[in-house]
Amino acid sequence: MHLGPELVLINADFRVFTDMVDRWQKVYASAPGAPTTVQDVVRDWFEQALVEAVLGVQALRGGREWSRDELAAALSKEALSTAVMPRFNTNAAIRGSLANRFGALGTRIAA
């Protein structure tokens, strides 16, 4: 079993991701370029969460607490899907990023 650099393929149809995109595209429906910008911002924040999860697991390599099988399980698609489930902080980060790009409209509507 190889635990070297990981390639993580993200399913763009994952409901947690698409729900977040849909939500923010509705908030900024009248903003020029919003559909693409919203999708890019949401993707960036989900990618950030996944990168942090993978790097966190990789930092455990070589220790006595986690076996190779446990490390592999922590990098499974189920575990990585779970890593992006918390939405409160991700939503707040997305709201801030979009407010910086489009103005405070979304912060008043979608708090």
PDB file of N, CA and C in Angstrom:
ATOM      1  N   MET A   1       0.845  -1.182   0.000  1.00  0.00           N
ATOM      2  CA  MET A   1       0.000   0.000   0.000  1.00  0.00           C
ATOM      3  C   MET A   1       0.885   1.238   0.000  1.00  0.00           C
ATOM      4  N   HIS A   2       0.636   2.152  -0.918  1.00  0.00           N
ATOM      5  CA  HIS A   2       1.453   3.343  -1.087  1.00  0.00           C
ATOM      6  C   HIS A   2       0.794   4.520  -0.375  1.00  0.00           C
ATOM      7  N   LEU A   3       1.542   5.218   0.450  1.00  0.00           N
ATOM      8  CA  LEU A   3       1.020   6.402   1.141  1.00  0.00           C
ATOM      9  C   LEU A   3       1.838   7.637   0.790  1.00  0.00           C
ATOM     10  N   GLY A   4       2.308   7.701  -0.427  1.00  0.00           N
ATOM     11  CA  GLY A   4       3.076   8.847  -0.886  1.00  0.00           C
ATOM     12  C   GLY A   4       2.150   9.996  -1.248  1.00  0.00           C
ATOM     13  N   PRO A   5       2.630  10.914  -2.080  1.00  0.00           N
ATOM     14  CA  PRO A   5       1.785  12.036  -2.499  1.00  0.00           C
ATOM     15  C   PRO A   5       0.470  11.521  -3.068  1.00  0.00           C
ATOM     16  N   GLU A   6      -0.596  12.138  -2.664  1.00  0.00           N
ATOM     17  CA  GLU A   6      -1.931  11.676  -3.037  1.00  0.00           C
ATOM     18  C   GLU A   6      -2.492  12.492  -4.189  1.00  0.00           C
ATOM     19  N   LEU A   7      -3.209  11.822  -5.042  1.00  0.00           N
ATOM     20  CA  LEU A   7      -4.002  12.462  -6.068  1.00  0.00           C
ATOM     21  C   LEU A   7      -5.448  12.300  -5.628  1.00  0.00           C
ATOM     22  N   VAL A   8      -6.114  13.408  -5.406  1.00  0.00           N
ATOM     23  CA  VAL A   8      -7.499  13.369  -4.963  1.00  0.00           C
ATOM     24  C   VAL A   8      -8.368  13.870  -6.102  1.00  0.00           C
ATOM     25  N   LEU A   9      -9.276  13.022  -6.552  1.00  0.00           N
ATOM     26  CA  LEU A   9     -10.221  13.411  -7.595  1.00  0.00           C
ATOM     27  C   LEU A   9     -11.516  13.825  -6.910  1.00  0.00           C
ATOM     28  N   ILE A  10     -11.944  15.033  -7.199  1.00  0.00           N
ATOM     29  CA  ILE A  10     -13.138  15.573  -6.558  1.00  0.00           C
ATOM     30  C   ILE A  10     -14.307  15.453  -7.519  1.00  0.00           C
ATOM     31  N   ASN A  11     -15.395  14.885  -7.035  1.00  0.00           N
ATOM     32  CA  ASN A  11     -16.595  14.727  -7.831  1.00  0.00           C
ATOM     33  C   ASN A  11     -17.371  16.044  -7.816  1.00  0.00           C
ATOM     34  N   ALA A  12     -17.429  16.724  -8.939  1.00  0.00           N
ATOM     35  CA  ALA A  12     -18.117  18.009  -9.026  1.00  0.00           C
ATOM     36  C   ALA A  12     -19.629  17.858  -8.878  1.00  0.00           C
ATOM     37  N   ASP A  13     -20.137  16.624  -8.922  1.00  0.00           N
ATOM     38  CA  ASP A  13     -21.567  16.393  -8.724  1.00  0.00           C
ATOM     39  C   ASP A  13     -21.910  16.060  -7.277  1.00  0.00           C
ATOM     40  N   PHE A  14     -20.921  16.091  -6.394  1.00  0.00           N
ATOM     41  CA  PHE A  14     -21.145  15.796  -4.980  1.00  0.00           C
ATOM     42  C   PHE A  14     -22.165  16.793  -4.428  1.00  0.00           C
ATOM     43  N   ARG A  15     -23.233  16.291  -3.851  1.00  0.00           N
ATOM     44  CA  ARG A  15     -24.362  17.138  -3.448  1.00  0.00           C
ATOM     45  C   ARG A  15     -23.978  18.244  -2.476  1.00  0.00           C
ATOM     46  N   VAL A  16     -23.073  17.985  -1.567  1.00  0.00           N
ATOM     47  CA  VAL A  16     -22.664  19.024  -0.620  1.00  0.00           C
ATOM     48  C   VAL A  16     -22.041  20.201  -1.378  1.00  0.00           C
ATOM     49  N   PHE A  17     -21.256  19.894  -2.397  1.00  0.00           N
ATOM     50  CA  PHE A  17     -20.634  20.925  -3.227  1.00  0.00           C
ATOM     51  C   PHE A  17     -21.668  21.650  -4.078  1.00  0.00           C
ATOM     52  N   THR A  18     -22.503  20.893  -4.788  1.00  0.00           N
ATOM     53  CA  THR A  18     -23.472  21.532  -5.686  1.00  0.00           C
ATOM     54  C   THR A  18     -24.514  22.340  -4.923  1.00  0.00           C
ATOM     55  N   ASP A  19     -24.903  21.882  -3.745  1.00  0.00           N
ATOM     56  CA  ASP A  19     -25.843  22.662  -2.924  1.00  0.00           C
ATOM     57  C   ASP A  19     -25.250  24.011  -2.535  1.00  0.00           C
ATOM     58  N   MET A  20     -23.953  24.010  -2.197  1.00  0.00           N
ATOM     59  CA  MET A  20     -23.296  25.265  -1.820  1.00  0.00           C
ATOM     60  C   MET A  20     -23.184  26.194  -3.026  1.00  0.00           C
ATOM     61  N   VAL A  21     -22.850  25.651  -4.173  1.00  0.00           N
ATOM     62  CA  VAL A  21     -22.780  26.458  -5.398  1.00  0.00           C
ATOM     63  C   VAL A  21     -24.155  27.045  -5.698  1.00  0.00           C
ATOM     64  N   ASP A  22     -25.188  26.214  -5.674  1.00  0.00           N
ATOM     65  CA  ASP A  22     -26.547  26.683  -5.968  1.00  0.00           C
ATOM     66  C   ASP A  22     -26.970  27.796  -5.015  1.00  0.00           C
ATOM     67  N   ARG A  23     -26.684  27.601  -3.745  1.00  0.00           N
ATOM     68  CA  ARG A  23     -27.078  28.598  -2.736  1.00  0.00           C
ATOM     69  C   ARG A  23     -26.471  29.959  -3.045  1.00  0.00           C
ATOM     70  N   TRP A  24     -25.173  29.985  -3.287  1.00  0.00           N
ATOM     71  CA  TRP A  24     -24.504  31.261  -3.501  1.00  0.00           C
ATOM     72  C   TRP A  24     -24.775  31.836  -4.889  1.00  0.00           C
ATOM     73  N   GLN A  25     -25.054  31.005  -5.868  1.00  0.00           N
ATOM     74  CA  GLN A  25     -25.431  31.534  -7.184  1.00  0.00           C
ATOM     75  C   GLN A  25     -26.782  32.238  -7.099  1.00  0.00           C
ATOM     76  N   LYS A  26     -27.679  31.762  -6.249  1.00  0.00           N
ATOM     77  CA  LYS A  26     -28.971  32.444  -6.057  1.00  0.00           C
ATOM     78  C   LYS A  26     -28.772  33.789  -5.376  1.00  0.00           C
ATOM     79  N   VAL A  27     -27.892  33.835  -4.379  1.00  0.00           N
ATOM     80  CA  VAL A  27     -27.639  35.092  -3.657  1.00  0.00           C
ATOM     81  C   VAL A  27     -27.096  36.151  -4.608  1.00  0.00           C
ATOM     82  N   TYR A  28     -26.192  35.763  -5.479  1.00  0.00           N
ATOM     83  CA  TYR A  28     -25.541  36.705  -6.380  1.00  0.00           C
ATOM     84  C   TYR A  28     -26.059  36.611  -7.810  1.00  0.00           C
ATOM     85  N   ALA A  29     -27.307  36.202  -7.963  1.00  0.00           N
ATOM     86  CA  ALA A  29     -27.888  35.994  -9.299  1.00  0.00           C
ATOM     87  C   ALA A  29     -27.795  37.237 -10.180  1.00  0.00           C
ATOM     88  N   SER A  30     -27.857  38.412  -9.593  1.00  0.00           N
ATOM     89  CA  SER A  30     -27.836  39.633 -10.401  1.00  0.00           C
ATOM     90  C   SER A  30     -26.424  40.166 -10.642  1.00  0.00           C
ATOM     91  N   ALA A  31     -25.416  39.568 -10.059  1.00  0.00           N
ATOM     92  CA  ALA A  31     -24.049  40.055 -10.224  1.00  0.00           C
ATOM     93  C   ALA A  31     -23.447  39.530 -11.534  1.00  0.00           C
ATOM     94  N   PRO A  32     -22.846  40.399 -12.310  1.00  0.00           N
ATOM     95  CA  PRO A  32     -22.212  39.953 -13.563  1.00  0.00           C
ATOM     96  C   PRO A  32     -21.104  38.939 -13.288  1.00  0.00           C
ATOM     97  N   GLY A  33     -21.127  37.850 -14.027  1.00  0.00           N
ATOM     98  CA  GLY A  33     -20.099  36.823 -13.891  1.00  0.00           C
ATOM     99  C   GLY A  33     -20.233  35.934 -12.673  1.00  0.00           C
ATOM    100  N   ALA A  34     -21.338  36.070 -11.960  1.00  0.00           N
ATOM    101  CA  ALA A  34     -21.495  35.333 -10.700  1.00  0.00           C
ATOM    102  C   ALA A  34     -21.463  33.816 -10.843  1.00  0.00           C
ATOM    103  N   PRO A  35     -22.135  33.223 -11.809  1.00  0.00           N
ATOM    104  CA  PRO A  35     -22.148  31.759 -11.843  1.00  0.00           C
ATOM    105  C   PRO A  35     -20.747  31.136 -11.851  1.00  0.00           C
ATOM    106  N   THR A  36     -19.880  31.647 -12.692  1.00  0.00           N
ATOM    107  CA  THR A  36     -18.526  31.098 -12.782  1.00  0.00           C
ATOM    108  C   THR A  36     -17.712  31.443 -11.537  1.00  0.00           C
ATOM    109  N   THR A  37     -17.803  32.682 -11.092  1.00  0.00           N
ATOM    110  CA  THR A  37     -17.041  33.106  -9.913  1.00  0.00           C
ATOM    111  C   THR A  37     -17.465  32.334  -8.683  1.00  0.00           C
ATOM    112  N   VAL A  38     -18.766  32.171  -8.487  1.00  0.00           N
ATOM    113  CA  VAL A  38     -19.256  31.414  -7.335  1.00  0.00           C
ATOM    114  C   VAL A  38     -18.733  29.986  -7.386  1.00  0.00           C
ATOM    115  N   GLN A  39     -18.836  29.347  -8.526  1.00  0.00           N
ATOM    116  CA  GLN A  39     -18.365  27.969  -8.638  1.00  0.00           C
ATOM    117  C   GLN A  39     -16.864  27.877  -8.332  1.00  0.00           C
ATOM    118  N   ASP A  40     -16.091  28.830  -8.825  1.00  0.00           N
ATOM    119  CA  ASP A  40     -14.646  28.828  -8.579  1.00  0.00           C
ATOM    120  C   ASP A  40     -14.328  29.025  -7.099  1.00  0.00           C
ATOM    121  N   VAL A  41     -15.025  29.952  -6.459  1.00  0.00           N
ATOM    122  CA  VAL A  41     -14.778  30.229  -5.035  1.00  0.00           C
ATOM    123  C   VAL A  41     -15.160  29.026  -4.186  1.00  0.00           C
ATOM    124  N   VAL A  42     -16.316  28.437  -4.453  1.00  0.00           N
ATOM    125  CA  VAL A  42     -16.745  27.254  -3.691  1.00  0.00           C
ATOM    126  C   VAL A  42     -15.749  26.118  -3.913  1.00  0.00           C
ATOM    127  N   ARG A  43     -15.333  25.902  -5.126  1.00  0.00           N
ATOM    128  CA  ARG A  43     -14.350  24.848  -5.418  1.00  0.00           C
ATOM    129  C   ARG A  43     -13.049  25.108  -4.648  1.00  0.00           C
ATOM    130  N   ASP A  44     -12.603  26.355  -4.635  1.00  0.00           N
ATOM    131  CA  ASP A  44     -11.365  26.684  -3.920  1.00  0.00           C
ATOM    132  C   ASP A  44     -11.463  26.332  -2.437  1.00  0.00           C
ATOM    133  N   TRP A  45     -12.591  26.639  -1.803  1.00  0.00           N
ATOM    134  CA  TRP A  45     -12.722  26.368  -0.365  1.00  0.00           C
ATOM    135  C   TRP A  45     -12.883  24.884  -0.076  1.00  0.00           C
ATOM    136  N   PHE A  46     -13.564  24.164  -0.943  1.00  0.00           N
ATOM    137  CA  PHE A  46     -13.648  22.710  -0.760  1.00  0.00           C
ATOM    138  C   PHE A  46     -12.277  22.074  -0.995  1.00  0.00           C
ATOM    139  N   GLU A  47     -11.563  22.560  -1.986  1.00  0.00           N
ATOM    140  CA  GLU A  47     -10.214  22.062  -2.244  1.00  0.00           C
ATOM    141  C   GLU A  47      -9.313  22.327  -1.042  1.00  0.00           C
ATOM    142  N   GLN A  48      -9.438  23.501  -0.450  1.00  0.00           N
ATOM    143  CA  GLN A  48      -8.647  23.843   0.739  1.00  0.00           C
ATOM    144  C   GLN A  48      -8.891  22.837   1.862  1.00  0.00           C
ATOM    145  N   ALA A  49     -10.152  22.508   2.102  1.00  0.00           N
ATOM    146  CA  ALA A  49     -10.485  21.543   3.156  1.00  0.00           C
ATOM    147  C   ALA A  49      -9.879  20.172   2.860  1.00  0.00           C
ATOM    148  N   LEU A  50      -9.937  19.758   1.617  1.00  0.00           N
ATOM    149  CA  LEU A  50      -9.378  18.455   1.244  1.00  0.00           C
ATOM    150  C   LEU A  50      -7.856  18.439   1.342  1.00  0.00           C
ATOM    151  N   VAL A  51      -7.222  19.496   0.909  1.00  0.00           N
ATOM    152  CA  VAL A  51      -5.762  19.578   1.002  1.00  0.00           C
ATOM    153  C   VAL A  51      -5.332  19.509   2.463  1.00  0.00           C
ATOM    154  N   GLU A  52      -6.020  20.249   3.319  1.00  0.00           N
ATOM    155  CA  GLU A  52      -5.682  20.219   4.745  1.00  0.00           C
ATOM    156  C   GLU A  52      -5.876  18.829   5.334  1.00  0.00           C
ATOM    157  N   ALA A  53      -6.950  18.149   4.941  1.00  0.00           N
ATOM    158  CA  ALA A  53      -7.197  16.798   5.458  1.00  0.00           C
ATOM    159  C   ALA A  53      -6.088  15.842   5.019  1.00  0.00           C
ATOM    160  N   VAL A  54      -5.725  15.890   3.743  1.00  0.00           N
ATOM    161  CA  VAL A  54      -4.689  14.990   3.232  1.00  0.00           C
ATOM    162  C   VAL A  54      -3.344  15.303   3.886  1.00  0.00           C
ATOM    163  N   LEU A  55      -2.995  16.563   3.979  1.00  0.00           N
ATOM    164  CA  LEU A  55      -1.718  16.927   4.608  1.00  0.00           C
ATOM    165  C   LEU A  55      -1.694  16.544   6.085  1.00  0.00           C
ATOM    166  N   GLY A  56      -2.828  16.704   6.746  1.00  0.00           N
ATOM    167  CA  GLY A  56      -2.907  16.307   8.151  1.00  0.00           C
ATOM    168  C   GLY A  56      -2.677  14.819   8.337  1.00  0.00           C
ATOM    169  N   VAL A  57      -3.275  14.016   7.466  1.00  0.00           N
ATOM    170  CA  VAL A  57      -3.085  12.568   7.539  1.00  0.00           C
ATOM    171  C   VAL A  57      -1.636  12.215   7.219  1.00  0.00           C
ATOM    172  N   GLN A  58      -1.085  12.828   6.190  1.00  0.00           N
ATOM    173  CA  GLN A  58       0.294  12.536   5.828  1.00  0.00           C
ATOM    174  C   GLN A  58       1.272  12.896   6.956  1.00  0.00           C
ATOM    175  N   ALA A  59       0.938  13.894   7.750  1.00  0.00           N
ATOM    176  CA  ALA A  59       1.804  14.280   8.869  1.00  0.00           C
ATOM    177  C   ALA A  59       1.856  13.199   9.950  1.00  0.00           C
ATOM    178  N   LEU A  60       0.882  12.296   9.938  1.00  0.00           N
ATOM    179  CA  LEU A  60       0.853  11.213  10.933  1.00  0.00           C
ATOM    180  C   LEU A  60       1.722  10.031  10.552  1.00  0.00           C
ATOM    181  N   ARG A  61       2.195   9.998   9.302  1.00  0.00           N
ATOM    182  CA  ARG A  61       3.047   8.883   8.860  1.00  0.00           C
ATOM    183  C   ARG A  61       4.290   8.793   9.732  1.00  0.00           C
ATOM    184  N   GLY A  62       4.705   7.562   9.946  1.00  0.00           N
ATOM    185  CA  GLY A  62       5.932   7.328  10.688  1.00  0.00           C
ATOM    186  C   GLY A  62       5.757   7.336  12.197  1.00  0.00           C
ATOM    187  N   GLY A  63       4.572   7.652  12.657  1.00  0.00           N
ATOM    188  CA  GLY A  63       4.316   7.638  14.093  1.00  0.00           C
ATOM    189  C   GLY A  63       3.838   6.266  14.546  1.00  0.00           C
ATOM    190  N   ARG A  64       3.759   6.092  15.841  1.00  0.00           N
ATOM    191  CA  ARG A  64       3.313   4.805  16.377  1.00  0.00           C
ATOM    192  C   ARG A  64       1.797   4.737  16.547  1.00  0.00           C
ATOM    193  N   GLU A  65       1.134   5.877  16.524  1.00  0.00           N
ATOM    194  CA  GLU A  65      -0.294   5.925  16.834  1.00  0.00           C
ATOM    195  C   GLU A  65      -1.179   5.406  15.701  1.00  0.00           C
ATOM    196  N   TRP A  66      -0.745   5.584  14.463  1.00  0.00           N
ATOM    197  CA  TRP A  66      -1.569   5.225  13.307  1.00  0.00           C
ATOM    198  C   TRP A  66      -0.840   4.192  12.455  1.00  0.00           C
ATOM    199  N   SER A  67      -1.503   3.091  12.181  1.00  0.00           N
ATOM    200  CA  SER A  67      -0.936   2.064  11.306  1.00  0.00           C
ATOM    201  C   SER A  67      -1.094   2.487   9.846  1.00  0.00           C
ATOM    202  N   ARG A  68      -0.423   1.784   8.961  1.00  0.00           N
ATOM    203  CA  ARG A  68      -0.555   2.071   7.523  1.00  0.00           C
ATOM    204  C   ARG A  68      -2.000   1.887   7.063  1.00  0.00           C
ATOM    205  N   ASP A  69      -2.671   0.853   7.592  1.00  0.00           N
ATOM    206  CA  ASP A  69      -4.068   0.622   7.210  1.00  0.00           C
ATOM    207  C   ASP A  69      -4.969   1.762   7.711  1.00  0.00           C
ATOM    208  N   GLU A  70      -4.713   2.240   8.903  1.00  0.00           N
ATOM    209  CA  GLU A  70      -5.507   3.357   9.434  1.00  0.00           C
ATOM    210  C   GLU A  70      -5.264   4.637   8.636  1.00  0.00           C
ATOM    211  N   LEU A  71      -4.024   4.859   8.245  1.00  0.00           N
ATOM    212  CA  LEU A  71      -3.718   6.028   7.410  1.00  0.00           C
ATOM    213  C   LEU A  71      -4.415   5.918   6.053  1.00  0.00           C
ATOM    214  N   ALA A  72      -4.391   4.723   5.479  1.00  0.00           N
ATOM    215  CA  ALA A  72      -5.070   4.515   4.195  1.00  0.00           C
ATOM    216  C   ALA A  72      -6.579   4.744   4.342  1.00  0.00           C
ATOM    217  N   ALA A  73      -7.147   4.272   5.440  1.00  0.00           N
ATOM    218  CA  ALA A  73      -8.585   4.478   5.677  1.00  0.00           C
ATOM    219  C   ALA A  73      -8.904   5.958   5.822  1.00  0.00           C
ATOM    220  N   ALA A  74      -8.006   6.707   6.446  1.00  0.00           N
ATOM    221  CA  ALA A  74      -8.218   8.143   6.627  1.00  0.00           C
ATOM    222  C   ALA A  74      -8.162   8.900   5.310  1.00  0.00           C
ATOM    223  N   LEU A  75      -7.572   8.289   4.285  1.00  0.00           N
ATOM    224  CA  LEU A  75      -7.504   8.903   2.958  1.00  0.00           C
ATOM    225  C   LEU A  75      -8.511   8.296   1.980  1.00  0.00           C
ATOM    226  N   SER A  76      -9.404   7.469   2.474  1.00  0.00           N
ATOM    227  CA  SER A  76     -10.409   6.859   1.603  1.00  0.00           C
ATOM    228  C   SER A  76     -11.390   7.918   1.107  1.00  0.00           C
ATOM    229  N   LYS A  77     -12.106   7.588   0.042  1.00  0.00           N
ATOM    230  CA  LYS A  77     -13.077   8.559  -0.480  1.00  0.00           C
ATOM    231  C   LYS A  77     -14.168   8.858   0.537  1.00  0.00           C
ATOM    232  N   GLU A  78     -14.510   7.873   1.360  1.00  0.00           N
ATOM    233  CA  GLU A  78     -15.531   8.110   2.394  1.00  0.00           C
ATOM    234  C   GLU A  78     -15.012   9.088   3.445  1.00  0.00           C
ATOM    235  N   ALA A  79     -13.768   8.882   3.874  1.00  0.00           N
ATOM    236  CA  ALA A  79     -13.194   9.762   4.895  1.00  0.00           C
ATOM    237  C   ALA A  79     -13.010  11.180   4.355  1.00  0.00           C
ATOM    238  N   LEU A  80     -12.552  11.293   3.115  1.00  0.00           N
ATOM    239  CA  LEU A  80     -12.357  12.622   2.541  1.00  0.00           C
ATOM    240  C   LEU A  80     -13.691  13.307   2.253  1.00  0.00           C
ATOM    241  N   SER A  81     -14.712  12.538   1.918  1.00  0.00           N
ATOM    242  CA  SER A  81     -16.051  13.127   1.770  1.00  0.00           C
ATOM    243  C   SER A  81     -16.523  13.681   3.109  1.00  0.00           C
ATOM    244  N   THR A  82     -16.262  12.938   4.160  1.00  0.00           N
ATOM    245  CA  THR A  82     -16.637  13.388   5.498  1.00  0.00           C
ATOM    246  C   THR A  82     -15.884  14.658   5.877  1.00  0.00           C
ATOM    247  N   ALA A  83     -14.661  14.789   5.424  1.00  0.00           N
ATOM    248  CA  ALA A  83     -13.848  15.958   5.763  1.00  0.00           C
ATOM    249  C   ALA A  83     -14.448  17.260   5.236  1.00  0.00           C
ATOM    250  N   VAL A  84     -15.228  17.198   4.162  1.00  0.00           N
ATOM    251  CA  VAL A  84     -15.824  18.424   3.621  1.00  0.00           C
ATOM    252  C   VAL A  84     -17.280  18.609   4.048  1.00  0.00           C
ATOM    253  N   MET A  85     -17.767  17.761   4.917  1.00  0.00           N
ATOM    254  CA  MET A  85     -19.153  17.882   5.369  1.00  0.00           C
ATOM    255  C   MET A  85     -19.415  19.091   6.270  1.00  0.00           C
ATOM    256  N   PRO A  86     -18.493  19.460   7.157  1.00  0.00           N
ATOM    257  CA  PRO A  86     -18.773  20.636   7.985  1.00  0.00           C
ATOM    258  C   PRO A  86     -18.929  21.869   7.096  1.00  0.00           C
ATOM    259  N   ARG A  87     -20.075  22.522   7.197  1.00  0.00           N
ATOM    260  CA  ARG A  87     -20.346  23.607   6.257  1.00  0.00           C
ATOM    261  C   ARG A  87     -20.338  24.986   6.886  1.00  0.00           C
ATOM    262  N   PHE A  88     -20.409  25.083   8.192  1.00  0.00           N
ATOM    263  CA  PHE A  88     -20.513  26.404   8.824  1.00  0.00           C
ATOM    264  C   PHE A  88     -19.310  27.281   8.477  1.00  0.00           C
ATOM    265  N   ASN A  89     -18.100  26.795   8.754  1.00  0.00           N
ATOM    266  CA  ASN A  89     -16.894  27.586   8.488  1.00  0.00           C
ATOM    267  C   ASN A  89     -16.634  27.747   6.997  1.00  0.00           C
ATOM    268  N   THR A  90     -16.912  26.714   6.223  1.00  0.00           N
ATOM    269  CA  THR A  90     -16.731  26.820   4.772  1.00  0.00           C
ATOM    270  C   THR A  90     -17.681  27.866   4.207  1.00  0.00           C
ATOM    271  N   ASN A  91     -18.918  27.851   4.666  1.00  0.00           N
ATOM    272  CA  ASN A  91     -19.899  28.830   4.210  1.00  0.00           C
ATOM    273  C   ASN A  91     -19.455  30.251   4.577  1.00  0.00           C
ATOM    274  N   ALA A  92     -18.941  30.430   5.786  1.00  0.00           N
ATOM    275  CA  ALA A  92     -18.472  31.752   6.212  1.00  0.00           C
ATOM    276  C   ALA A  92     -17.296  32.217   5.346  1.00  0.00           C
ATOM    277  N   ALA A  93     -16.388  31.316   5.033  1.00  0.00           N
ATOM    278  CA  ALA A  93     -15.243  31.668   4.195  1.00  0.00           C
ATOM    279  C   ALA A  93     -15.700  32.027   2.782  1.00  0.00           C
ATOM    280  N   ILE A  94     -16.636  31.259   2.260  1.00  0.00           N
ATOM    281  CA  ILE A  94     -17.178  31.544   0.924  1.00  0.00           C
ATOM    282  C   ILE A  94     -17.885  32.892   0.926  1.00  0.00           C
ATOM    283  N   ARG A  95     -18.686  33.135   1.945  1.00  0.00           N
ATOM    284  CA  ARG A  95     -19.393  34.419   2.056  1.00  0.00           C
ATOM    285  C   ARG A  95     -18.395  35.573   2.032  1.00  0.00           C
ATOM    286  N   GLY A  96     -17.305  35.462   2.782  1.00  0.00           N
ATOM    287  CA  GLY A  96     -16.296  36.516   2.808  1.00  0.00           C
ATOM    288  C   GLY A  96     -15.614  36.706   1.466  1.00  0.00           C
ATOM    289  N   SER A  97     -15.263  35.606   0.821  1.00  0.00           N
ATOM    290  CA  SER A  97     -14.610  35.685  -0.491  1.00  0.00           C
ATOM    291  C   SER A  97     -15.523  36.327  -1.523  1.00  0.00           C
ATOM    292  N   LEU A  98     -16.784  35.933  -1.517  1.00  0.00           N
ATOM    293  CA  LEU A  98     -17.721  36.496  -2.483  1.00  0.00           C
ATOM    294  C   LEU A  98     -18.031  37.956  -2.173  1.00  0.00           C
ATOM    295  N   ALA A  99     -18.099  38.314  -0.909  1.00  0.00           N
ATOM    296  CA  ALA A  99     -18.325  39.717  -0.535  1.00  0.00           C
ATOM    297  C   ALA A  99     -17.163  40.585  -1.011  1.00  0.00           C
ATOM    298  N   ASN A 100     -15.947  40.049  -0.936  1.00  0.00           N
ATOM    299  CA  ASN A 100     -14.784  40.795  -1.436  1.00  0.00           C
ATOM    300  C   ASN A 100     -14.866  41.005  -2.938  1.00  0.00           C
ATOM    301  N   ARG A 101     -15.461  40.060  -3.633  1.00  0.00           N
ATOM    302  CA  ARG A 101     -15.533  40.165  -5.092  1.00  0.00           C
ATOM    303  C   ARG A 101     -16.749  40.947  -5.576  1.00  0.00           C
ATOM    304  N   PHE A 102     -17.883  40.747  -4.899  1.00  0.00           N
ATOM    305  CA  PHE A 102     -19.128  41.335  -5.395  1.00  0.00           C
ATOM    306  C   PHE A 102     -19.701  42.425  -4.506  1.00  0.00           C
ATOM    307  N   GLY A 103     -19.155  42.629  -3.337  1.00  0.00           N
ATOM    308  CA  GLY A 103     -19.712  43.597  -2.402  1.00  0.00           C
ATOM    309  C   GLY A 103     -20.504  42.889  -1.317  1.00  0.00           C
ATOM    310  N   ALA A 104     -21.040  43.657  -0.412  1.00  0.00           N
ATOM    311  CA  ALA A 104     -21.658  43.118   0.802  1.00  0.00           C
ATOM    312  C   ALA A 104     -23.051  42.558   0.591  1.00  0.00           C
ATOM    313  N   LEU A 105     -23.589  42.570  -0.597  1.00  0.00           N
ATOM    314  CA  LEU A 105     -24.933  42.060  -0.859  1.00  0.00           C
ATOM    315  C   LEU A 105     -25.152  40.688  -0.233  1.00  0.00           C
ATOM    316  N   GLY A 106     -24.288  39.773  -0.499  1.00  0.00           N
ATOM    317  CA  GLY A 106     -24.441  38.406  -0.007  1.00  0.00           C
ATOM    318  C   GLY A 106     -24.298  38.279   1.491  1.00  0.00           C
ATOM    319  N   THR A 107     -23.560  39.178   2.138  1.00  0.00           N
ATOM    320  CA  THR A 107     -23.388  39.063   3.581  1.00  0.00           C
ATOM    321  C   THR A 107     -24.670  39.464   4.297  1.00  0.00           C
ATOM    322  N   ARG A 108     -25.437  40.366   3.718  1.00  0.00           N
ATOM    323  CA  ARG A 108     -26.704  40.769   4.342  1.00  0.00           C
ATOM    324  C   ARG A 108     -27.774  39.707   4.116  1.00  0.00           C
ATOM    325  N   ILE A 109     -27.779  39.090   2.956  1.00  0.00           N
ATOM    326  CA  ILE A 109     -28.833  38.159   2.597  1.00  0.00           C
ATOM    327  C   ILE A 109     -28.572  36.770   3.173  1.00  0.00           C
ATOM    328  N   ALA A 110     -27.362  36.295   3.094  1.00  0.00           N
ATOM    329  CA  ALA A 110     -27.081  34.886   3.384  1.00  0.00           C
ATOM    330  C   ALA A 110     -26.248  34.664   4.633  1.00  0.00           C
ATOM    331  N   ALA A 111     -26.464  35.421   5.628  1.00  0.00           N
ATOM    332  CA  ALA A 111     -25.694  35.240   6.869  1.00  0.00           C
ATOM    333  C   ALA A 111     -26.032  33.985   7.515  1.00  0.00           C
TER     334      ALA A 111
END
